[in-house]
Amino acid sequence: MSEEEMDRETEDRTEEKKRTMSTGRAVRITLLNLLAMVAVGALIIVGALFLLDVYTHHGEAAKVPDLSGMTLSEAQTAVRSMDLDLEIVDSIYTEGMAPGVILKTSPGPGSIIKKHRTIFLTTNTTTVEQVVMPAVYDTSRRRAQAALRSAGFVDVTIKMVPGRYNDLAVEVSDRQTGQVIQPGTKLPFNTPLVLSITSTSSLDSLYDADTTAVDREVAEALQRIGQAEEPDGEDLPEL
């Protein structure tokens, strides 16, 4: 083998060795990068789980107490040690319950929730809803009742009164005060009302009652007159 061939072979071996070393270095760098990425990913996952536990208060739970009938301030005192928040989301009217008291909660009593969560409240409204009295005079009984229901009144009693026609509404009054309520008046929706409806049978009964009373008075008057004109037997002359 000539010297030139030997030099060429040496150069080829050197180049091959360099390529091998370069490839090995690239593989090691790639592996190191992969390991670094895996390590960073693991750290991110562990950190995320830790932050999630902190944010969600993992392992910290509280039992929702029964807050029904309490005022908001009383309920806040009841849940203060449980690290729970309260928020009023709705108000409705419930007869017989004090204004402003809690009617129900969501979640309900006995539910297990995480601390620092919010309990949503439905309370009894502090003011009774006002509705407007509709015009029902000289309308049919059915139409008058429908108008009152549509306006929002929930406590209506029917009263039959004498009249020339049947089933005509003549007035609406307050059952407690007896005051006639004019159309357009604003009232609490639960005001007890009396809807007066005409009835010819009631009129006939009234006439019959009046006639009977007159007849009785006339009979009593005639009886008194007869007794006054009848002579006493002791004053008659002897025959």
Foldseek 3Di string as FASTA:
>chain_A
DDPVVVVVVVVVVVVVVVVVVVVVVVVVVVVVVVVVVVVVVVVVVVVVVVVVCVVQVPPAKDFAAAQFLHAPVVNCVVCVVSQEAEEEDEEAADPPHAARGFHAWVVGGGDMGHHNYYIYTYGYHNDFDKFFAADQAFHFQVVNVVSLVVRQADAEAEDEDADPDFGGWHFKAQPVPRHTDDGGDIDGSDGHMYTYTYDNVNVVVVVVVVVVVVVVVVVVVVVVVVVVPDDDPVPDDDD
